[in-house]
Amino acid sequence: FVATMWRSNGNTYYADSVEGRFTISRDNAKN
């Protein structure tokens, strides 16, 4: 596991190994 996002950008969670370095994001309009 690396990262996840749920509640349509409302929440994110990261593995300890990537916290602070990686960022998950989504653009629902662009799928």
PDB file of all heavy atoms in Angstrom:
ATOM      1  N   PHE A   1       0.821  -1.198   0.000  1.00  0.00           N
ATOM      2  CA  PHE A   1       0.000   0.000   0.000  1.00  0.00           C
ATOM      3  C   PHE A   1       0.858   1.251   0.000  1.00  0.00           C
ATOM      4  O   PHE A   1       1.875   1.318   0.694  1.00  0.00           O
ATOM      5  CB  PHE A   1      -0.913   0.013   1.230  1.00  0.00           C
ATOM      6  CG  PHE A   1      -1.583   1.331   1.471  1.00  0.00           C
ATOM      7  CD1 PHE A   1      -2.670   1.721   0.710  1.00  0.00           C
ATOM      8  CD2 PHE A   1      -1.123   2.179   2.462  1.00  0.00           C
ATOM      9  CE1 PHE A   1      -3.286   2.939   0.921  1.00  0.00           C
ATOM     10  CE2 PHE A   1      -1.726   3.399   2.689  1.00  0.00           C
ATOM     11  CZ  PHE A   1      -2.814   3.771   1.911  1.00  0.00           C
ATOM     12  N   VAL A   2       0.436   2.251  -0.764  1.00  0.00           N
ATOM     13  CA  VAL A   2       1.152   3.523  -0.840  1.00  0.00           C
ATOM     14  C   VAL A   2       0.283   4.678  -0.359  1.00  0.00           C
ATOM     15  O   VAL A   2       0.664   5.430   0.535  1.00  0.00           O
ATOM     16  CB  VAL A   2       1.648   3.804  -2.266  1.00  0.00           C
ATOM     17  CG1 VAL A   2       2.283   5.190  -2.349  1.00  0.00           C
ATOM     18  CG2 VAL A   2       2.640   2.733  -2.701  1.00  0.00           C
ATOM     19  N   ALA A   3      -0.894   4.840  -0.956  1.00  0.00           N
ATOM     20  CA  ALA A   3      -1.742   5.989  -0.637  1.00  0.00           C
ATOM     21  C   ALA A   3      -3.174   5.706  -1.045  1.00  0.00           C
ATOM     22  O   ALA A   3      -3.428   4.908  -1.949  1.00  0.00           O
ATOM     23  CB  ALA A   3      -1.238   7.251  -1.335  1.00  0.00           C
ATOM     24  N   THR A   4      -4.111   6.379  -0.398  1.00  0.00           N
ATOM     25  CA  THR A   4      -5.518   6.246  -0.761  1.00  0.00           C
ATOM     26  C   THR A   4      -6.250   7.555  -0.515  1.00  0.00           C
ATOM     27  O   THR A   4      -5.818   8.379   0.298  1.00  0.00           O
ATOM     28  CB  THR A   4      -6.205   5.104   0.014  1.00  0.00           C
ATOM     29  OG1 THR A   4      -7.544   4.916  -0.475  1.00  0.00           O
ATOM     30  CG2 THR A   4      -6.258   5.410   1.508  1.00  0.00           C
ATOM     31  N   MET A   5      -7.340   7.737  -1.224  1.00  0.00           N
ATOM     32  CA  MET A   5      -8.213   8.893  -1.053  1.00  0.00           C
ATOM     33  C   MET A   5      -9.649   8.422  -1.145  1.00  0.00           C
ATOM     34  O   MET A   5     -10.011   7.654  -2.033  1.00  0.00           O
ATOM     35  CB  MET A   5      -7.920   9.961  -2.103  1.00  0.00           C
ATOM     36  CG  MET A   5      -8.918  11.112  -2.114  1.00  0.00           C
ATOM     37  SD  MET A   5      -8.427  12.466  -3.222  1.00  0.00           S
ATOM     38  CE  MET A   5      -7.172  13.268  -2.215  1.00  0.00           C
ATOM     39  N   TRP A   6     -10.482   8.898  -0.222  1.00  0.00           N
ATOM     40  CA  TRP A   6     -11.884   8.543  -0.227  1.00  0.00           C
ATOM     41  C   TRP A   6     -12.744   9.770   0.100  1.00  0.00           C
ATOM     42  O   TRP A   6     -12.201  10.838   0.416  1.00  0.00           O
ATOM     43  CB  TRP A   6     -12.173   7.377   0.719  1.00  0.00           C
ATOM     44  CG  TRP A   6     -12.024   7.649   2.191  1.00  0.00           C
ATOM     45  CD1 TRP A   6     -13.037   7.850   3.090  1.00  0.00           C
ATOM     46  CD2 TRP A   6     -10.813   7.699   2.953  1.00  0.00           C
ATOM     47  NE1 TRP A   6     -12.531   8.027   4.356  1.00  0.00           N
ATOM     48  CE2 TRP A   6     -11.164   7.941   4.303  1.00  0.00           C
ATOM     49  CE3 TRP A   6      -9.463   7.564   2.638  1.00  0.00           C
ATOM     50  CZ2 TRP A   6     -10.221   8.056   5.320  1.00  0.00           C
ATOM     51  CZ3 TRP A   6      -8.517   7.688   3.649  1.00  0.00           C
ATOM     52  CH2 TRP A   6      -8.899   7.916   4.962  1.00  0.00           C
ATOM     53  N   ARG A   7     -14.034   9.601  -0.021  1.00  0.00           N
ATOM     54  CA  ARG A   7     -15.006  10.680   0.197  1.00  0.00           C
ATOM     55  C   ARG A   7     -14.803  11.834  -0.776  1.00  0.00           C
ATOM     56  O   ARG A   7     -14.943  13.000  -0.416  1.00  0.00           O
ATOM     57  CB  ARG A   7     -14.966  11.189   1.635  1.00  0.00           C
ATOM     58  CG  ARG A   7     -15.341  10.134   2.664  1.00  0.00           C
ATOM     59  CD  ARG A   7     -15.221  10.661   4.081  1.00  0.00           C
ATOM     60  NE  ARG A   7     -15.511   9.631   5.065  1.00  0.00           N
ATOM     61  CZ  ARG A   7     -15.355   9.782   6.371  1.00  0.00           C
ATOM     62  NH1 ARG A   7     -14.922  10.930   6.863  1.00  0.00           N
ATOM     63  NH2 ARG A   7     -15.643   8.784   7.184  1.00  0.00           N
ATOM     64  N   SER A   8     -14.471  11.494  -2.013  1.00  0.00           N
ATOM     65  CA  SER A   8     -14.309  12.487  -3.075  1.00  0.00           C
ATOM     66  C   SER A   8     -13.395  13.630  -2.656  1.00  0.00           C
ATOM     67  O   SER A   8     -13.801  14.794  -2.579  1.00  0.00           O
ATOM     68  CB  SER A   8     -15.671  13.033  -3.527  1.00  0.00           C
ATOM     69  OG  SER A   8     -16.474  12.015  -4.071  1.00  0.00           O
ATOM     70  N   ASN A   9     -12.160  13.288  -2.359  1.00  0.00           N
ATOM     71  CA  ASN A   9     -11.102  14.219  -1.944  1.00  0.00           C
ATOM     72  C   ASN A   9     -11.174  14.618  -0.475  1.00  0.00           C
ATOM     73  O   ASN A   9     -10.366  15.429  -0.010  1.00  0.00           O
ATOM     74  CB  ASN A   9     -11.104  15.491  -2.788  1.00  0.00           C
ATOM     75  CG  ASN A   9     -10.928  15.216  -4.254  1.00  0.00           C
ATOM     76  OD1 ASN A   9     -10.226  14.293  -4.651  1.00  0.00           O
ATOM     77  ND2 ASN A   9     -11.573  16.037  -5.080  1.00  0.00           N
ATOM     78  N   GLY A  10     -12.110  14.017   0.270  1.00  0.00           N
ATOM     79  CA  GLY A  10     -12.286  14.420   1.651  1.00  0.00           C
ATOM     80  C   GLY A  10     -11.249  13.880   2.619  1.00  0.00           C
ATOM     81  O   GLY A  10     -11.000  14.487   3.660  1.00  0.00           O
ATOM     82  N   ASN A  11     -10.648  12.741   2.281  1.00  0.00           N
ATOM     83  CA  ASN A  11      -9.708  12.101   3.189  1.00  0.00           C
ATOM     84  C   ASN A  11      -8.579  11.435   2.421  1.00  0.00           C
ATOM     85  O   ASN A  11      -8.800  10.877   1.351  1.00  0.00           O
ATOM     86  CB  ASN A  11     -10.413  11.046   4.040  1.00  0.00           C
ATOM     87  CG  ASN A  11     -11.444  11.632   4.976  1.00  0.00           C
ATOM     88  OD1 ASN A  11     -12.613  11.766   4.604  1.00  0.00           O
ATOM     89  ND2 ASN A  11     -11.020  11.984   6.182  1.00  0.00           N
ATOM     90  N   THR A  12      -7.394  11.486   2.992  1.00  0.00           N
ATOM     91  CA  THR A  12      -6.241  10.802   2.434  1.00  0.00           C
ATOM     92  C   THR A  12      -5.492  10.066   3.529  1.00  0.00           C
ATOM     93  O   THR A  12      -5.571  10.427   4.702  1.00  0.00           O
ATOM     94  CB  THR A  12      -5.273  11.771   1.730  1.00  0.00           C
ATOM     95  OG1 THR A  12      -4.811  12.746   2.674  1.00  0.00           O
ATOM     96  CG2 THR A  12      -5.962  12.479   0.573  1.00  0.00           C
ATOM     97  N   TYR A  13      -4.767   9.030   3.129  1.00  0.00           N
ATOM     98  CA  TYR A  13      -3.964   8.258   4.064  1.00  0.00           C
ATOM     99  C   TYR A  13      -2.762   7.705   3.320  1.00  0.00           C
ATOM    100  O   TYR A  13      -2.887   7.263   2.177  1.00  0.00           O
ATOM    101  CB  TYR A  13      -4.785   7.122   4.677  1.00  0.00           C
ATOM    102  CG  TYR A  13      -4.034   6.302   5.700  1.00  0.00           C
ATOM    103  CD1 TYR A  13      -3.800   6.794   6.977  1.00  0.00           C
ATOM    104  CD2 TYR A  13      -3.551   5.036   5.387  1.00  0.00           C
ATOM    105  CE1 TYR A  13      -3.105   6.055   7.913  1.00  0.00           C
ATOM    106  CE2 TYR A  13      -2.858   4.284   6.319  1.00  0.00           C
ATOM    107  CZ  TYR A  13      -2.639   4.794   7.576  1.00  0.00           C
ATOM    108  OH  TYR A  13      -1.953   4.061   8.509  1.00  0.00           O
ATOM    109  N   TYR A  14      -1.594   7.706   3.986  1.00  0.00           N
ATOM    110  CA  TYR A  14      -0.360   7.306   3.343  1.00  0.00           C
ATOM    111  C   TYR A  14       0.385   6.265   4.166  1.00  0.00           C
ATOM    112  O   TYR A  14       0.306   6.240   5.396  1.00  0.00           O
ATOM    113  CB  TYR A  14       0.567   8.511   3.156  1.00  0.00           C
ATOM    114  CG  TYR A  14      -0.023   9.597   2.303  1.00  0.00           C
ATOM    115  CD1 TYR A  14      -0.764  10.628   2.868  1.00  0.00           C
ATOM    116  CD2 TYR A  14       0.164   9.603   0.923  1.00  0.00           C
ATOM    117  CE1 TYR A  14      -1.307  11.629   2.093  1.00  0.00           C
ATOM    118  CE2 TYR A  14      -0.374  10.600   0.136  1.00  0.00           C
ATOM    119  CZ  TYR A  14      -1.108  11.611   0.723  1.00  0.00           C
ATOM    120  OH  TYR A  14      -1.641  12.604  -0.061  1.00  0.00           O
ATOM    121  N   ALA A  15       1.129   5.426   3.474  1.00  0.00           N
ATOM    122  CA  ALA A  15       2.057   4.539   4.151  1.00  0.00           C
ATOM    123  C   ALA A  15       3.151   5.369   4.817  1.00  0.00           C
ATOM    124  O   ALA A  15       3.534   6.431   4.320  1.00  0.00           O
ATOM    125  CB  ALA A  15       2.672   3.557   3.160  1.00  0.00           C
ATOM    126  N   ASP A  16       3.651   4.876   5.947  1.00  0.00           N
ATOM    127  CA  ASP A  16       4.692   5.609   6.669  1.00  0.00           C
ATOM    128  C   ASP A  16       5.916   5.877   5.788  1.00  0.00           C
ATOM    129  O   ASP A  16       6.572   6.913   5.919  1.00  0.00           O
ATOM    130  CB  ASP A  16       5.123   4.829   7.913  1.00  0.00           C
ATOM    131  CG  ASP A  16       4.066   4.816   8.994  1.00  0.00           C
ATOM    132  OD1 ASP A  16       3.128   5.633   8.939  1.00  0.00           O
ATOM    133  OD2 ASP A  16       4.179   3.983   9.919  1.00  0.00           O
ATOM    134  N   SER A  17       6.218   4.956   4.896  1.00  0.00           N
ATOM    135  CA  SER A  17       7.409   5.062   4.072  1.00  0.00           C
ATOM    136  C   SER A  17       7.353   6.213   3.067  1.00  0.00           C
ATOM    137  O   SER A  17       8.397   6.636   2.567  1.00  0.00           O
ATOM    138  CB  SER A  17       7.657   3.746   3.332  1.00  0.00           C
ATOM    139  OG  SER A  17       6.548   3.404   2.522  1.00  0.00           O
ATOM    140  N   VAL A  18       6.151   6.719   2.769  1.00  0.00           N
ATOM    141  CA  VAL A  18       6.016   7.793   1.780  1.00  0.00           C
ATOM    142  C   VAL A  18       5.404   9.053   2.364  1.00  0.00           C
ATOM    143  O   VAL A  18       5.342  10.080   1.668  1.00  0.00           O
ATOM    144  CB  VAL A  18       5.195   7.333   0.559  1.00  0.00           C
ATOM    145  CG1 VAL A  18       5.782   6.058  -0.028  1.00  0.00           C
ATOM    146  CG2 VAL A  18       3.729   7.129   0.940  1.00  0.00           C
ATOM    147  N   GLU A  19       4.955   9.017   3.602  1.00  0.00           N
ATOM    148  CA  GLU A  19       4.340  10.177   4.248  1.00  0.00           C
ATOM    149  C   GLU A  19       5.274  11.377   4.179  1.00  0.00           C
ATOM    150  O   GLU A  19       6.455  11.288   4.520  1.00  0.00           O
ATOM    151  CB  GLU A  19       3.999   9.848   5.700  1.00  0.00           C
ATOM    152  CG  GLU A  19       3.388  11.001   6.486  1.00  0.00           C
ATOM    153  CD  GLU A  19       1.970  11.296   6.052  1.00  0.00           C
ATOM    154  OE1 GLU A  19       1.177  10.339   5.900  1.00  0.00           O
ATOM    155  OE2 GLU A  19       1.640  12.483   5.859  1.00  0.00           O
ATOM    156  N   GLY A  20       4.740  12.500   3.731  1.00  0.00           N
ATOM    157  CA  GLY A  20       5.522  13.714   3.615  1.00  0.00           C
ATOM    158  C   GLY A  20       6.233  13.879   2.296  1.00  0.00           C
ATOM    159  O   GLY A  20       6.708  14.981   1.987  1.00  0.00           O
ATOM    160  N   ARG A  21       6.329  12.809   1.516  1.00  0.00           N
ATOM    161  CA  ARG A  21       6.987  12.874   0.211  1.00  0.00           C
ATOM    162  C   ARG A  21       6.015  12.704  -0.951  1.00  0.00           C
ATOM    163  O   ARG A  21       6.202  13.312  -2.002  1.00  0.00           O
ATOM    164  CB  ARG A  21       8.076  11.803   0.102  1.00  0.00           C
ATOM    165  CG  ARG A  21       9.190  11.956   1.124  1.00  0.00           C
ATOM    166  CD  ARG A  21      10.338  10.987   0.843  1.00  0.00           C
ATOM    167  NE  ARG A  21       9.907   9.594   0.943  1.00  0.00           N
ATOM    168  CZ  ARG A  21       9.957   8.714  -0.063  1.00  0.00           C
ATOM    169  NH1 ARG A  21      10.432   9.087  -1.244  1.00  0.00           N
ATOM    170  NH2 ARG A  21       9.555   7.469   0.122  1.00  0.00           N
ATOM    171  N   PHE A  22       5.002  11.881  -0.762  1.00  0.00           N
ATOM    172  CA  PHE A  22       4.030  11.594  -1.816  1.00  0.00           C
ATOM    173  C   PHE A  22       2.706  12.278  -1.505  1.00  0.00           C
ATOM    174  O   PHE A  22       2.330  12.436  -0.334  1.00  0.00           O
ATOM    175  CB  PHE A  22       3.777  10.090  -1.935  1.00  0.00           C
ATOM    176  CG  PHE A  22       4.927   9.297  -2.475  1.00  0.00           C
ATOM    177  CD1 PHE A  22       6.189   9.835  -2.619  1.00  0.00           C
ATOM    178  CD2 PHE A  22       4.723   7.973  -2.844  1.00  0.00           C
ATOM    179  CE1 PHE A  22       7.248   9.090  -3.114  1.00  0.00           C
ATOM    180  CE2 PHE A  22       5.766   7.213  -3.343  1.00  0.00           C
ATOM    181  CZ  PHE A  22       7.028   7.767  -3.482  1.00  0.00           C
ATOM    182  N   THR A  23       1.974  12.645  -2.553  1.00  0.00           N
ATOM    183  CA  THR A  23       0.662  13.256  -2.406  1.00  0.00           C
ATOM    184  C   THR A  23      -0.297  12.656  -3.420  1.00  0.00           C
ATOM    185  O   THR A  23      -0.011  12.660  -4.619  1.00  0.00           O
ATOM    186  CB  THR A  23       0.711  14.776  -2.604  1.00  0.00           C
ATOM    187  OG1 THR A  23       1.624  15.364  -1.673  1.00  0.00           O
ATOM    188  CG2 THR A  23      -0.675  15.381  -2.388  1.00  0.00           C
ATOM    189  N   ILE A  24      -1.424  12.147  -2.939  1.00  0.00           N
ATOM    190  CA  ILE A  24      -2.463  11.642  -3.821  1.00  0.00           C
ATOM    191  C   ILE A  24      -3.509  12.728  -4.021  1.00  0.00           C
ATOM    192  O   ILE A  24      -3.864  13.444  -3.084  1.00  0.00           O
ATOM    193  CB  ILE A  24      -3.103  10.352  -3.266  1.00  0.00           C
ATOM    194  CG1 ILE A  24      -4.101   9.760  -4.269  1.00  0.00           C
ATOM    195  CG2 ILE A  24      -3.759  10.597  -1.919  1.00  0.00           C
ATOM    196  CD1 ILE A  24      -4.644   8.396  -3.859  1.00  0.00           C
ATOM    197  N   SER A  25      -3.991  12.855  -5.230  1.00  0.00           N
ATOM    198  CA  SER A  25      -5.038  13.815  -5.539  1.00  0.00           C
ATOM    199  C   SER A  25      -5.896  13.264  -6.667  1.00  0.00           C
ATOM    200  O   SER A  25      -5.519  12.295  -7.330  1.00  0.00           O
ATOM    201  CB  SER A  25      -4.457  15.181  -5.920  1.00  0.00           C
ATOM    202  OG  SER A  25      -3.653  15.083  -7.083  1.00  0.00           O
ATOM    203  N   ARG A  26      -7.043  13.870  -6.867  1.00  0.00           N
ATOM    204  CA  ARG A  26      -7.931  13.413  -7.938  1.00  0.00           C
ATOM    205  C   ARG A  26      -8.676  14.588  -8.534  1.00  0.00           C
ATOM    206  O   ARG A  26      -8.962  15.578  -7.860  1.00  0.00           O
ATOM    207  CB  ARG A  26      -8.906  12.347  -7.426  1.00  0.00           C
ATOM    208  CG  ARG A  26      -9.916  12.854  -6.406  1.00  0.00           C
ATOM    209  CD  ARG A  26     -10.568  11.724  -5.626  1.00  0.00           C
ATOM    210  NE  ARG A  26     -11.390  10.853  -6.457  1.00  0.00           N
ATOM    211  CZ  ARG A  26     -11.959   9.734  -6.025  1.00  0.00           C
ATOM    212  NH1 ARG A  26     -11.767   9.335  -4.771  1.00  0.00           N
ATOM    213  NH2 ARG A  26     -12.701   9.009  -6.849  1.00  0.00           N
ATOM    214  N   ASP A  27      -8.987  14.460  -9.800  1.00  0.00           N
ATOM    215  CA  ASP A  27      -9.787  15.429 -10.515  1.00  0.00           C
ATOM    216  C   ASP A  27     -10.998  14.676 -11.045  1.00  0.00           C
ATOM    217  O   ASP A  27     -10.912  13.982 -12.057  1.00  0.00           O
ATOM    218  CB  ASP A  27      -8.996  16.066 -11.650  1.00  0.00           C
ATOM    219  CG  ASP A  27      -9.741  17.206 -12.306  1.00  0.00           C
ATOM    220  OD1 ASP A  27     -10.981  17.211 -12.297  1.00  0.00           O
ATOM    221  OD2 ASP A  27      -9.074  18.114 -12.850  1.00  0.00           O
ATOM    222  N   ASN A  28     -12.109  14.789 -10.340  1.00  0.00           N
ATOM    223  CA  ASN A  28     -13.301  14.033 -10.706  1.00  0.00           C
ATOM    224  C   ASN A  28     -13.841  14.433 -12.077  1.00  0.00           C
ATOM    225  O   ASN A  28     -14.372  13.597 -12.806  1.00  0.00           O
ATOM    226  CB  ASN A  28     -14.383  14.213  -9.644  1.00  0.00           C
ATOM    227  CG  ASN A  28     -14.032  13.552  -8.330  1.00  0.00           C
ATOM    228  OD1 ASN A  28     -13.357  12.520  -8.304  1.00  0.00           O
ATOM    229  ND2 ASN A  28     -14.485  14.131  -7.228  1.00  0.00           N
ATOM    230  N   ALA A  29     -13.714  15.699 -12.428  1.00  0.00           N
ATOM    231  CA  ALA A  29     -14.189  16.163 -13.723  1.00  0.00           C
ATOM    232  C   ALA A  29     -13.419  15.516 -14.864  1.00  0.00           C
ATOM    233  O   ALA A  29     -13.962  15.319 -15.951  1.00  0.00           O
ATOM    234  CB  ALA A  29     -14.105  17.680 -13.809  1.00  0.00           C
ATOM    235  N   LYS A  30     -12.151  15.191 -14.626  1.00  0.00           N
ATOM    236  CA  LYS A  30     -11.310  14.580 -15.644  1.00  0.00           C
ATOM    237  C   LYS A  30     -11.164  13.075 -15.469  1.00  0.00           C
ATOM    238  O   LYS A  30     -10.445  12.435 -16.241  1.00  0.00           O
ATOM    239  CB  LYS A  30      -9.931  15.225 -15.644  1.00  0.00           C
ATOM    240  CG  LYS A  30      -9.942  16.706 -15.992  1.00  0.00           C
ATOM    241  CD  LYS A  30      -8.536  17.283 -15.987  1.00  0.00           C
ATOM    242  CE  LYS A  30      -8.555  18.753 -16.365  1.00  0.00           C
ATOM    243  NZ  LYS A  30      -7.193  19.337 -16.346  1.00  0.00           N
ATOM    244  N   ASN A  31     -11.813  12.518 -14.456  1.00  0.00           N
ATOM    245  CA  ASN A  31     -11.722  11.084 -14.175  1.00  0.00           C
ATOM    246  C   ASN A  31     -10.271  10.626 -14.059  1.00  0.00           C
ATOM    247  O   ASN A  31      -9.876   9.600 -14.624  1.00  0.00           O
ATOM    248  CB  ASN A  31     -12.444  10.275 -15.250  1.00  0.00           C
ATOM    249  CG  ASN A  31     -13.945  10.234 -15.053  1.00  0.00           C
ATOM    250  OD1 ASN A  31     -14.489  10.828 -14.127  1.00  0.00           O
ATOM    251  ND2 ASN A  31     -14.630   9.526 -15.938  1.00  0.00           N
TER     252      ASN A  31
END
